[in-house]
Every structure is written in C-alpha cells, then in structure tokens.
Amino acid sequence: MSRTIISIEVQDSGDKEAIIIVRGERNSQIMFEKTFSYKDEKKHSLRLQRTPTSNFLQDFILL
C-alpha cells in the first residue's frame, strides 16, 4: 500500500511575517518541498483555521 503525506508548516514569531513550508512525501520519500514568505502590515499574523464543516486538508483556509 502506498502512503502519500502533504504537510503544511508555518513558522512565525507572532508578528505579521511568516514562512510557510509545503512538503509532499510518498512512501517515506520527499517528493517536493516549497517555501513561501508571507508578510502583511495590515493583518494579524498568519494563521491556519479549519472550517467548521471541513473533513479533510483541502478545506483548510489561510486567514
């Protein structure tokens, strides 16, 4: 049986900047890793929030 894992890691210091790292892994082998920088002077720090009706990763939204 094959196993695929998609992970989202958010690194921040509580201010309005964050680093987002998205990784894809299949059968314990890293297939991809992409890093994004986030900065917004008007909004609070980046947070991941699961919607109340969600039941899987694609339902996560960035605020």
C-alpha atoms as a PDB file:
ATOM      1  CA  MET A   1       0.000   0.000   0.000  1.00  0.00           C
ATOM      2  CA  SER A   2       1.344   3.428  -0.954  1.00  0.00           C
ATOM      3  CA  ARG A   3       1.202   6.284   1.510  1.00  0.00           C
ATOM      4  CA  THR A   4       1.206   9.965   0.492  1.00  0.00           C
ATOM      5  CA  ILE A   5       1.509  12.790   3.031  1.00  0.00           C
ATOM      6  CA  ILE A   6       1.095  16.502   2.275  1.00  0.00           C
ATOM      7  CA  SER A   7       2.172  18.740   5.159  1.00  0.00           C
ATOM      8  CA  ILE A   8       1.977  22.486   5.774  1.00  0.00           C
ATOM      9  CA  GLU A   9       4.367  24.018   8.303  1.00  0.00           C
ATOM     10  CA  VAL A  10       4.005  27.662   9.378  1.00  0.00           C
ATOM     11  CA  GLN A  11       6.930  29.308  11.160  1.00  0.00           C
ATOM     12  CA  ASP A  12       6.302  32.718  12.716  1.00  0.00           C
ATOM     13  CA  SER A  13       7.296  34.850  15.695  1.00  0.00           C
ATOM     14  CA  GLY A  14       3.817  36.182  16.390  1.00  0.00           C
ATOM     15  CA  ASP A  15       4.221  39.275  14.218  1.00  0.00           C
ATOM     16  CA  LYS A  16       2.943  39.914  10.682  1.00  0.00           C
ATOM     17  CA  GLU A  17       5.534  37.786   8.898  1.00  0.00           C
ATOM     18  CA  ALA A  18       5.653  34.026   8.423  1.00  0.00           C
ATOM     19  CA  ILE A  19       7.414  31.321   6.446  1.00  0.00           C
ATOM     20  CA  ILE A  20       5.150  28.602   5.013  1.00  0.00           C
ATOM     21  CA  ILE A  21       6.691  25.277   4.016  1.00  0.00           C
ATOM     22  CA  VAL A  22       4.645  22.772   1.989  1.00  0.00           C
ATOM     23  CA  ARG A  23       6.040  19.228   1.702  1.00  0.00           C
ATOM     24  CA  GLY A  24       4.906  16.218  -0.270  1.00  0.00           C
ATOM     25  CA  GLU A  25       6.076  12.764   0.771  1.00  0.00           C
ATOM     26  CA  ARG A  26       5.296   9.392  -0.765  1.00  0.00           C
ATOM     27  CA  ASN A  27       6.343   6.110   0.843  1.00  0.00           C
ATOM     28  CA  SER A  28       8.818   7.937   3.152  1.00  0.00           C
ATOM     29  CA  GLN A  29      10.499   9.735   0.231  1.00  0.00           C
ATOM     30  CA  ILE A  30      10.302  13.527  -0.061  1.00  0.00           C
ATOM     31  CA  MET A  31       8.804  14.303  -3.475  1.00  0.00           C
ATOM     32  CA  PHE A  32       8.746  18.115  -3.185  1.00  0.00           C
ATOM     33  CA  GLU A  33       9.253  20.955  -0.740  1.00  0.00           C
ATOM     34  CA  LYS A  34       8.246  24.560  -1.442  1.00  0.00           C
ATOM     35  CA  THR A  35       8.858  27.562   0.820  1.00  0.00           C
ATOM     36  CA  PHE A  36       6.752  30.737   0.718  1.00  0.00           C
ATOM     37  CA  SER A  37       7.295  34.014   2.562  1.00  0.00           C
ATOM     38  CA  TYR A  38       4.277  35.880   3.937  1.00  0.00           C
ATOM     39  CA  LYS A  39       4.247  39.497   5.128  1.00  0.00           C
ATOM     40  CA  ASP A  40       1.324  41.858   5.562  1.00  0.00           C
ATOM     41  CA  GLU A  41       1.497  45.087   7.556  1.00  0.00           C
ATOM     42  CA  LYS A  42      -2.308  45.427   7.856  1.00  0.00           C
ATOM     43  CA  LYS A  43      -3.320  41.944   9.017  1.00  0.00           C
ATOM     44  CA  HIS A  44      -2.526  39.918  12.110  1.00  0.00           C
ATOM     45  CA  SER A  45      -0.012  37.119  11.837  1.00  0.00           C
ATOM     46  CA  LEU A  46      -0.853  34.278   9.500  1.00  0.00           C
ATOM     47  CA  ARG A  47      -2.995  31.504  10.977  1.00  0.00           C
ATOM     48  CA  LEU A  48      -4.395  28.267   9.653  1.00  0.00           C
ATOM     49  CA  GLN A  49      -8.013  27.680  10.593  1.00  0.00           C
ATOM     50  CA  ARG A  50     -10.097  24.643   9.881  1.00  0.00           C
ATOM     51  CA  THR A  51     -13.590  25.464   8.705  1.00  0.00           C
ATOM     52  CA  PRO A  52     -16.385  24.048  10.928  1.00  0.00           C
ATOM     53  CA  THR A  53     -17.736  21.745   8.204  1.00  0.00           C
ATOM     54  CA  SER A  54     -14.370  20.576   6.886  1.00  0.00           C
ATOM     55  CA  ASN A  55     -13.330  16.966   6.957  1.00  0.00           C
ATOM     56  CA  PHE A  56     -10.046  16.948   5.020  1.00  0.00           C
ATOM     57  CA  LEU A  57      -6.925  19.001   4.277  1.00  0.00           C
ATOM     58  CA  GLN A  58      -8.343  20.775   1.206  1.00  0.00           C
ATOM     59  CA  ASP A  59     -10.838  22.527   3.489  1.00  0.00           C
ATOM     60  CA  PHE A  60      -8.109  24.428   5.354  1.00  0.00           C
ATOM     61  CA  ILE A  61      -8.087  28.135   4.620  1.00  0.00           C
ATOM     62  CA  LEU A  62      -5.473  30.844   5.151  1.00  0.00           C
ATOM     63  CA  LEU A  63      -6.689  33.881   7.070  1.00  0.00           C
END
